[in-house]
Amino acid sequence: MADAAPKAPQVETDTVRGVIESVGNEPQTRVLVRQHDHTTCAVSATAAVVPASVSGLEVTLWGVRAPVGPPMMPGVTCAITARRFAVRAADGVPAVDGVLRADGTSFALQLANGERRALRNVPAVLRARVGARIFWAGPLDRAPVAYGVLRDAP
């Protein structure tokens, strides 16, 4: 009788959306995402995947959700190993993120899907960071309500 083929572990690709928080002190710092339904997930990811610069921003994380064993922290009900993220809001203001591109004297935000969106009134600090991954909160046709560098240009 032939042995049954081994079953691959069940993994579920998932998304989690909420505000990123860093809690604790080194070396025990933990990254959490507080969701709109008031549940909290522990985030497992390297700084290359989810940089510290997203702390305080609302993001969507894509990755693999895992069950939480014994309580790791009070109130933490899930865990996600994040593979990528996108900024969705800053202090409640809708936001987008992408790579800052210069087109002559104008600027554009290149989204993850390759689409370019023109930017107006780009702050001087961002104009000096062409090629960096940034977030921009507020309408793209006027100065941002909030902005920041998520990752420097390679």
N, C-alpha and C. Protein backbone atom coordinates (compact mmCIF):
# COMPACT_ATOMS: atom_id res chain seq x y z
N MET A 1 0.85 -1.17 0.00
CA MET A 1 0.00 0.00 0.00
C MET A 1 0.89 1.23 0.00
N ALA A 2 0.62 2.17 -0.88
CA ALA A 2 1.44 3.38 -1.00
C ALA A 2 1.10 4.34 0.12
N ASP A 3 2.17 5.01 0.57
CA ASP A 3 1.96 6.04 1.60
C ASP A 3 1.27 7.24 0.98
N ALA A 4 0.43 7.86 1.74
CA ALA A 4 -0.22 9.09 1.27
C ALA A 4 0.82 10.19 1.19
N ALA A 5 0.67 11.05 0.21
CA ALA A 5 1.59 12.19 0.07
C ALA A 5 1.47 13.09 1.28
N PRO A 6 2.60 13.61 1.77
CA PRO A 6 2.51 14.50 2.92
C PRO A 6 1.72 15.74 2.56
N LYS A 7 0.94 16.20 3.51
CA LYS A 7 0.12 17.38 3.28
C LYS A 7 0.95 18.63 3.59
N ALA A 8 0.81 19.61 2.73
CA ALA A 8 1.48 20.89 2.95
C ALA A 8 0.80 21.58 4.12
N PRO A 9 1.57 22.31 4.92
CA PRO A 9 0.93 23.02 6.03
C PRO A 9 -0.08 24.02 5.49
N GLN A 10 -1.16 24.16 6.20
CA GLN A 10 -2.19 25.10 5.80
C GLN A 10 -1.73 26.52 6.14
N VAL A 11 -1.62 27.35 5.12
CA VAL A 11 -1.28 28.75 5.33
C VAL A 11 -2.33 29.59 4.63
N GLU A 12 -2.66 30.65 5.22
CA GLU A 12 -3.69 31.52 4.67
C GLU A 12 -3.08 32.88 4.40
N THR A 13 -3.14 33.31 3.15
CA THR A 13 -2.70 34.66 2.84
C THR A 13 -3.79 35.58 3.33
N ASP A 14 -3.40 36.61 4.05
CA ASP A 14 -4.38 37.44 4.72
C ASP A 14 -3.97 38.89 4.67
N THR A 15 -4.90 39.75 5.00
CA THR A 15 -4.60 41.16 5.17
C THR A 15 -5.11 41.60 6.53
N VAL A 16 -4.42 42.56 7.08
CA VAL A 16 -4.82 43.18 8.34
C VAL A 16 -4.66 44.68 8.13
N ARG A 17 -5.66 45.45 8.55
CA ARG A 17 -5.60 46.91 8.41
C ARG A 17 -5.78 47.55 9.77
N GLY A 18 -4.91 48.50 10.08
CA GLY A 18 -5.01 49.23 11.33
C GLY A 18 -3.82 50.15 11.52
N VAL A 19 -3.72 50.70 12.72
CA VAL A 19 -2.65 51.64 13.05
C VAL A 19 -1.49 50.87 13.69
N ILE A 20 -0.30 51.11 13.15
CA ILE A 20 0.91 50.46 13.65
C ILE A 20 1.39 51.14 14.93
N GLU A 21 1.73 50.33 15.91
CA GLU A 21 2.30 50.83 17.17
C GLU A 21 3.51 49.99 17.54
N SER A 22 4.52 50.65 18.06
CA SER A 22 5.67 49.95 18.65
C SER A 22 5.52 50.07 20.15
N VAL A 23 5.60 48.94 20.85
CA VAL A 23 5.44 48.94 22.30
C VAL A 23 6.64 48.26 22.94
N GLY A 24 6.91 48.64 24.16
CA GLY A 24 8.03 48.04 24.90
C GLY A 24 9.32 48.78 24.64
N ASN A 25 10.36 48.25 25.22
CA ASN A 25 11.70 48.81 25.09
C ASN A 25 12.65 47.75 24.57
N GLU A 26 13.73 48.20 23.92
CA GLU A 26 14.74 47.26 23.41
C GLU A 26 15.25 46.42 24.57
N PRO A 27 15.46 45.19 24.45
CA PRO A 27 15.35 44.38 23.24
C PRO A 27 13.98 43.74 23.08
N GLN A 28 13.02 44.14 23.88
CA GLN A 28 11.70 43.51 23.86
C GLN A 28 10.65 44.32 23.12
N THR A 29 11.05 45.17 22.19
CA THR A 29 10.10 45.96 21.42
C THR A 29 9.24 45.06 20.55
N ARG A 30 7.95 45.30 20.55
CA ARG A 30 7.01 44.54 19.72
C ARG A 30 6.27 45.51 18.81
N VAL A 31 5.94 45.06 17.62
CA VAL A 31 5.14 45.85 16.69
C VAL A 31 3.75 45.26 16.68
N LEU A 32 2.76 46.13 16.85
CA LEU A 32 1.36 45.72 16.87
C LEU A 32 0.59 46.51 15.84
N VAL A 33 -0.53 45.96 15.40
CA VAL A 33 -1.45 46.71 14.56
C VAL A 33 -2.81 46.67 15.25
N ARG A 34 -3.31 47.86 15.58
CA ARG A 34 -4.63 47.98 16.23
C ARG A 34 -5.66 48.22 15.15
N GLN A 35 -6.59 47.27 15.02
CA GLN A 35 -7.58 47.32 13.97
C GLN A 35 -8.79 48.16 14.39
N HIS A 36 -9.61 48.51 13.40
CA HIS A 36 -10.79 49.34 13.66
C HIS A 36 -11.80 48.68 14.57
N ASP A 37 -11.81 47.34 14.58
CA ASP A 37 -12.75 46.64 15.46
C ASP A 37 -12.18 46.46 16.87
N HIS A 38 -11.08 47.15 17.15
CA HIS A 38 -10.41 47.17 18.46
C HIS A 38 -9.66 45.88 18.78
N THR A 39 -9.49 45.00 17.80
CA THR A 39 -8.63 43.85 18.03
C THR A 39 -7.20 44.25 17.69
N THR A 40 -6.27 43.54 18.29
CA THR A 40 -4.85 43.85 18.10
C THR A 40 -4.12 42.61 17.64
N CYS A 41 -3.30 42.78 16.59
CA CYS A 41 -2.48 41.68 16.08
C CYS A 41 -1.01 42.01 16.31
N ALA A 42 -0.25 41.00 16.67
CA ALA A 42 1.20 41.14 16.73
C ALA A 42 1.72 41.03 15.31
N VAL A 43 2.69 41.86 14.96
CA VAL A 43 3.26 41.86 13.62
C VAL A 43 4.66 41.29 13.68
N SER A 44 4.90 40.32 12.85
CA SER A 44 6.23 39.75 12.72
C SER A 44 6.73 40.11 11.33
N ALA A 45 7.81 40.89 11.28
CA ALA A 45 8.38 41.29 10.00
C ALA A 45 9.73 41.94 10.27
N THR A 46 10.60 41.87 9.29
CA THR A 46 11.88 42.56 9.42
C THR A 46 11.67 44.04 9.16
N ALA A 47 12.63 44.86 9.57
CA ALA A 47 12.56 46.30 9.32
C ALA A 47 12.61 46.58 7.83
N ALA A 48 13.17 45.67 7.04
CA ALA A 48 13.19 45.86 5.59
C ALA A 48 11.79 45.73 5.00
N VAL A 49 10.93 44.93 5.64
CA VAL A 49 9.57 44.74 5.15
C VAL A 49 8.64 45.81 5.72
N VAL A 50 8.67 46.01 7.02
CA VAL A 50 7.83 47.02 7.69
C VAL A 50 8.76 47.91 8.51
N PRO A 51 9.19 49.04 7.94
CA PRO A 51 10.14 49.91 8.64
C PRO A 51 9.51 50.63 9.83
N ALA A 52 10.34 51.04 10.76
CA ALA A 52 9.88 51.77 11.95
C ALA A 52 9.15 53.05 11.59
N SER A 53 9.42 53.59 10.40
CA SER A 53 8.82 54.85 9.98
C SER A 53 7.30 54.75 9.78
N VAL A 54 6.71 53.56 9.80
CA VAL A 54 5.26 53.43 9.67
C VAL A 54 4.55 53.53 11.01
N SER A 55 5.28 53.60 12.09
CA SER A 55 4.66 53.69 13.42
C SER A 55 3.73 54.91 13.47
N GLY A 56 2.50 54.69 13.91
CA GLY A 56 1.50 55.74 14.01
C GLY A 56 0.65 55.91 12.76
N LEU A 57 1.00 55.24 11.68
CA LEU A 57 0.23 55.33 10.44
C LEU A 57 -0.74 54.18 10.32
N GLU A 58 -1.84 54.43 9.62
CA GLU A 58 -2.77 53.34 9.32
C GLU A 58 -2.27 52.66 8.05
N VAL A 59 -2.13 51.35 8.11
CA VAL A 59 -1.59 50.58 7.00
C VAL A 59 -2.44 49.35 6.74
N THR A 60 -2.26 48.79 5.57
CA THR A 60 -2.73 47.43 5.28
C THR A 60 -1.49 46.58 5.20
N LEU A 61 -1.50 45.47 5.91
CA LEU A 61 -0.41 44.50 5.88
C LEU A 61 -0.89 43.27 5.13
N TRP A 62 -0.05 42.75 4.25
CA TRP A 62 -0.32 41.48 3.57
C TRP A 62 0.66 40.46 4.09
N GLY A 63 0.17 39.26 4.37
CA GLY A 63 1.06 38.23 4.87
C GLY A 63 0.29 36.99 5.24
N VAL A 64 0.81 36.29 6.23
CA VAL A 64 0.21 35.04 6.68
C VAL A 64 -0.21 35.20 8.13
N ARG A 65 -1.48 35.00 8.37
CA ARG A 65 -2.02 35.10 9.73
C ARG A 65 -1.81 33.76 10.43
N ALA A 66 -1.47 33.82 11.69
CA ALA A 66 -1.25 32.60 12.46
C ALA A 66 -2.08 32.67 13.74
N PRO A 67 -2.49 31.52 14.22
CA PRO A 67 -3.21 31.53 15.51
C PRO A 67 -2.26 31.95 16.62
N VAL A 68 -2.81 32.57 17.62
CA VAL A 68 -2.02 32.98 18.78
C VAL A 68 -2.15 31.91 19.83
N GLY A 69 -1.00 31.44 20.30
CA GLY A 69 -0.99 30.43 21.35
C GLY A 69 -1.26 31.07 22.70
N PRO A 70 -0.48 30.69 23.69
CA PRO A 70 -0.66 31.32 25.00
C PRO A 70 -0.54 32.83 24.85
N PRO A 71 -1.28 33.56 25.62
CA PRO A 71 -1.26 35.02 25.46
C PRO A 71 0.16 35.58 25.49
N MET A 72 0.53 36.22 24.39
CA MET A 72 1.86 36.82 24.31
C MET A 72 1.86 38.18 24.97
N MET A 73 0.75 38.89 24.85
CA MET A 73 0.57 40.18 25.49
C MET A 73 -0.92 40.33 25.74
N PRO A 74 -1.29 41.00 26.80
CA PRO A 74 -2.72 41.21 27.05
C PRO A 74 -3.37 41.93 25.87
N GLY A 75 -4.50 41.44 25.42
CA GLY A 75 -5.25 42.08 24.35
C GLY A 75 -4.85 41.69 22.94
N VAL A 76 -3.76 40.98 22.78
CA VAL A 76 -3.33 40.55 21.44
C VAL A 76 -4.08 39.27 21.09
N THR A 77 -4.86 39.33 20.02
CA THR A 77 -5.71 38.20 19.66
C THR A 77 -5.30 37.49 18.38
N CYS A 78 -4.34 38.05 17.65
CA CYS A 78 -3.89 37.41 16.42
C CYS A 78 -2.45 37.81 16.14
N ALA A 79 -1.88 37.15 15.15
CA ALA A 79 -0.51 37.47 14.75
C ALA A 79 -0.46 37.38 13.22
N ILE A 80 0.37 38.21 12.62
CA ILE A 80 0.56 38.17 11.17
C ILE A 80 2.05 38.31 10.86
N THR A 81 2.52 37.45 9.99
CA THR A 81 3.87 37.58 9.45
C THR A 81 3.72 38.38 8.18
N ALA A 82 4.12 39.65 8.24
CA ALA A 82 3.90 40.57 7.13
C ALA A 82 4.93 40.38 6.03
N ARG A 83 4.45 40.43 4.80
CA ARG A 83 5.31 40.33 3.61
C ARG A 83 5.45 41.67 2.90
N ARG A 84 4.41 42.53 3.05
CA ARG A 84 4.44 43.87 2.47
C ARG A 84 3.38 44.73 3.14
N PHE A 85 3.41 46.02 2.86
CA PHE A 85 2.45 46.94 3.45
C PHE A 85 2.16 48.09 2.50
N ALA A 86 1.08 48.81 2.79
CA ALA A 86 0.75 50.05 2.08
C ALA A 86 0.14 51.00 3.10
N VAL A 87 0.53 52.26 3.05
CA VAL A 87 -0.03 53.28 3.95
C VAL A 87 -1.41 53.65 3.44
N ARG A 88 -2.38 53.73 4.35
CA ARG A 88 -3.76 54.05 4.01
C ARG A 88 -4.22 55.40 4.56
N ALA A 89 -3.66 55.81 5.72
CA ALA A 89 -4.09 57.08 6.32
C ALA A 89 -3.04 57.54 7.33
N ALA A 90 -3.03 58.84 7.56
CA ALA A 90 -2.20 59.45 8.60
C ALA A 90 -3.10 60.36 9.41
N ASP A 91 -3.26 60.07 10.69
CA ASP A 91 -4.17 60.82 11.56
C ASP A 91 -5.57 60.95 10.96
N GLY A 92 -6.03 59.87 10.35
CA GLY A 92 -7.38 59.84 9.80
C GLY A 92 -7.52 60.44 8.40
N VAL A 93 -6.45 61.03 7.86
CA VAL A 93 -6.49 61.61 6.52
C VAL A 93 -6.05 60.54 5.52
N PRO A 94 -6.86 60.25 4.51
CA PRO A 94 -6.47 59.24 3.53
C PRO A 94 -5.09 59.53 2.93
N ALA A 95 -4.32 58.45 2.73
CA ALA A 95 -2.95 58.59 2.24
C ALA A 95 -2.64 57.52 1.22
N VAL A 96 -1.62 57.78 0.41
CA VAL A 96 -1.09 56.81 -0.53
C VAL A 96 0.42 56.78 -0.35
N ASP A 97 1.03 55.70 -0.78
CA ASP A 97 2.48 55.65 -0.73
C ASP A 97 3.02 55.10 -2.03
N GLY A 98 4.26 55.45 -2.29
CA GLY A 98 4.92 55.00 -3.50
C GLY A 98 6.30 55.61 -3.57
N VAL A 99 6.91 55.48 -4.72
CA VAL A 99 8.26 56.01 -4.92
C VAL A 99 8.16 57.39 -5.55
N LEU A 100 8.85 58.35 -4.97
CA LEU A 100 8.86 59.72 -5.48
C LEU A 100 9.72 59.77 -6.74
N ARG A 101 9.14 60.26 -7.82
CA ARG A 101 9.84 60.37 -9.10
C ARG A 101 9.85 61.84 -9.55
N ALA A 102 10.91 62.22 -10.22
CA ALA A 102 11.01 63.56 -10.81
C ALA A 102 10.85 63.43 -12.31
N ASP A 103 10.00 64.26 -12.88
CA ASP A 103 9.79 64.31 -14.32
C ASP A 103 10.11 65.75 -14.74
N GLY A 104 11.40 66.00 -15.01
CA GLY A 104 11.82 67.37 -15.31
C GLY A 104 11.69 68.20 -14.05
N THR A 105 10.83 69.21 -14.09
CA THR A 105 10.64 70.06 -12.91
C THR A 105 9.39 69.68 -12.12
N SER A 106 8.68 68.64 -12.57
CA SER A 106 7.50 68.20 -11.83
C SER A 106 7.79 66.87 -11.14
N PHE A 107 6.90 66.52 -10.23
CA PHE A 107 7.08 65.31 -9.42
C PHE A 107 5.86 64.42 -9.53
N ALA A 108 6.10 63.13 -9.34
CA ALA A 108 5.01 62.15 -9.38
C ALA A 108 5.26 61.09 -8.32
N LEU A 109 4.20 60.43 -7.92
CA LEU A 109 4.26 59.31 -7.00
C LEU A 109 4.00 58.06 -7.82
N GLN A 110 4.98 57.16 -7.87
CA GLN A 110 4.81 55.90 -8.59
C GLN A 110 4.32 54.84 -7.61
N LEU A 111 3.09 54.38 -7.84
CA LEU A 111 2.47 53.41 -6.95
C LEU A 111 3.04 52.02 -7.19
N ALA A 112 2.74 51.10 -6.29
CA ALA A 112 3.25 49.72 -6.40
C ALA A 112 2.84 49.05 -7.70
N ASN A 113 1.69 49.44 -8.27
CA ASN A 113 1.22 48.83 -9.52
C ASN A 113 1.84 49.49 -10.75
N GLY A 114 2.75 50.46 -10.54
CA GLY A 114 3.43 51.13 -11.65
C GLY A 114 2.77 52.43 -12.09
N GLU A 115 1.52 52.65 -11.67
CA GLU A 115 0.82 53.88 -12.03
C GLU A 115 1.54 55.09 -11.43
N ARG A 116 1.61 56.17 -12.21
CA ARG A 116 2.19 57.42 -11.72
C ARG A 116 1.10 58.44 -11.53
N ARG A 117 1.15 59.11 -10.38
CA ARG A 117 0.18 60.18 -10.08
C ARG A 117 0.96 61.46 -9.84
N ALA A 118 0.56 62.51 -10.55
CA ALA A 118 1.23 63.81 -10.42
C ALA A 118 1.04 64.38 -9.02
N LEU A 119 2.09 65.02 -8.51
CA LEU A 119 2.05 65.68 -7.21
C LEU A 119 2.21 67.18 -7.40
N ARG A 120 1.55 67.96 -6.58
CA ARG A 120 1.68 69.42 -6.60
C ARG A 120 2.18 69.88 -5.24
N ASN A 121 2.87 70.99 -5.24
CA ASN A 121 3.34 71.61 -3.99
C ASN A 121 4.14 70.63 -3.14
N VAL A 122 5.11 69.99 -3.77
CA VAL A 122 5.95 69.02 -3.06
C VAL A 122 6.87 69.77 -2.10
N PRO A 123 6.84 69.44 -0.81
CA PRO A 123 7.73 70.10 0.15
C PRO A 123 9.21 69.91 -0.21
N ALA A 124 10.02 70.91 0.10
CA ALA A 124 11.46 70.89 -0.24
C ALA A 124 12.15 69.66 0.31
N VAL A 125 11.79 69.24 1.51
CA VAL A 125 12.44 68.07 2.10
C VAL A 125 12.19 66.81 1.27
N LEU A 126 11.03 66.72 0.63
CA LEU A 126 10.75 65.57 -0.22
C LEU A 126 11.42 65.72 -1.58
N ARG A 127 11.48 66.95 -2.11
CA ARG A 127 12.12 67.16 -3.42
C ARG A 127 13.56 66.66 -3.41
N ALA A 128 14.18 66.70 -2.26
CA ALA A 128 15.57 66.23 -2.12
C ALA A 128 15.66 64.71 -1.97
N ARG A 129 14.51 64.01 -1.96
CA ARG A 129 14.50 62.57 -1.71
C ARG A 129 13.96 61.76 -2.89
N VAL A 130 14.17 62.22 -4.10
CA VAL A 130 13.70 61.50 -5.29
C VAL A 130 14.24 60.07 -5.24
N GLY A 131 13.36 59.12 -5.52
CA GLY A 131 13.71 57.70 -5.48
C GLY A 131 13.37 57.04 -4.16
N ALA A 132 13.00 57.82 -3.16
CA ALA A 132 12.62 57.26 -1.86
C ALA A 132 11.16 56.82 -1.89
N ARG A 133 10.82 55.85 -1.06
CA ARG A 133 9.42 55.47 -0.87
C ARG A 133 8.86 56.42 0.18
N ILE A 134 7.78 57.11 -0.17
CA ILE A 134 7.19 58.10 0.72
C ILE A 134 5.71 57.83 0.89
N PHE A 135 5.10 58.51 1.87
CA PHE A 135 3.63 58.53 1.93
C PHE A 135 3.20 59.98 1.85
N TRP A 136 2.00 60.18 1.31
CA TRP A 136 1.42 61.51 1.10
C TRP A 136 -0.02 61.44 1.56
N ALA A 137 -0.37 62.23 2.57
CA ALA A 137 -1.74 62.26 3.08
C ALA A 137 -2.43 63.51 2.57
N GLY A 138 -3.63 63.32 2.05
CA GLY A 138 -4.40 64.43 1.51
C GLY A 138 -4.41 64.39 -0.01
N PRO A 139 -5.13 65.34 -0.62
CA PRO A 139 -5.22 65.39 -2.08
C PRO A 139 -3.84 65.60 -2.71
N LEU A 140 -3.60 64.97 -3.86
CA LEU A 140 -2.31 65.06 -4.53
C LEU A 140 -2.12 66.37 -5.28
N ASP A 141 -3.22 67.10 -5.49
CA ASP A 141 -3.13 68.34 -6.26
C ASP A 141 -2.90 69.58 -5.40
N ARG A 142 -2.55 69.37 -4.14
CA ARG A 142 -2.19 70.48 -3.25
C ARG A 142 -1.16 69.99 -2.24
N ALA A 143 -0.66 70.89 -1.42
CA ALA A 143 0.35 70.51 -0.43
C ALA A 143 -0.21 69.40 0.48
N PRO A 144 0.63 68.45 0.88
CA PRO A 144 0.13 67.36 1.72
C PRO A 144 -0.25 67.82 3.12
N VAL A 145 -1.22 67.14 3.70
CA VAL A 145 -1.59 67.38 5.09
C VAL A 145 -0.51 66.79 5.99
N ALA A 146 0.00 65.65 5.58
CA ALA A 146 1.11 64.96 6.27
C ALA A 146 1.88 64.19 5.22
N TYR A 147 3.15 63.97 5.47
CA TYR A 147 3.99 63.22 4.54
C TYR A 147 5.18 62.67 5.32
N GLY A 148 5.88 61.73 4.71
CA GLY A 148 7.07 61.21 5.35
C GLY A 148 7.81 60.26 4.45
N VAL A 149 9.05 60.00 4.79
CA VAL A 149 9.88 59.06 4.07
C VAL A 149 9.77 57.72 4.76
N LEU A 150 9.37 56.71 4.00
CA LEU A 150 9.25 55.35 4.54
C LEU A 150 10.54 54.56 4.38
N ARG A 151 11.21 54.80 3.25
CA ARG A 151 12.46 54.11 2.97
C ARG A 151 13.26 54.98 2.01
N ASP A 152 14.54 55.19 2.32
CA ASP A 152 15.39 56.01 1.45
C ASP A 152 15.59 55.36 0.10
N ALA A 153 15.97 56.17 -0.86
CA ALA A 153 16.25 55.66 -2.21
C ALA A 153 17.37 54.65 -2.16
N PRO A 154 17.28 53.62 -2.98
CA PRO A 154 18.34 52.60 -2.98
C PRO A 154 19.66 53.17 -3.51
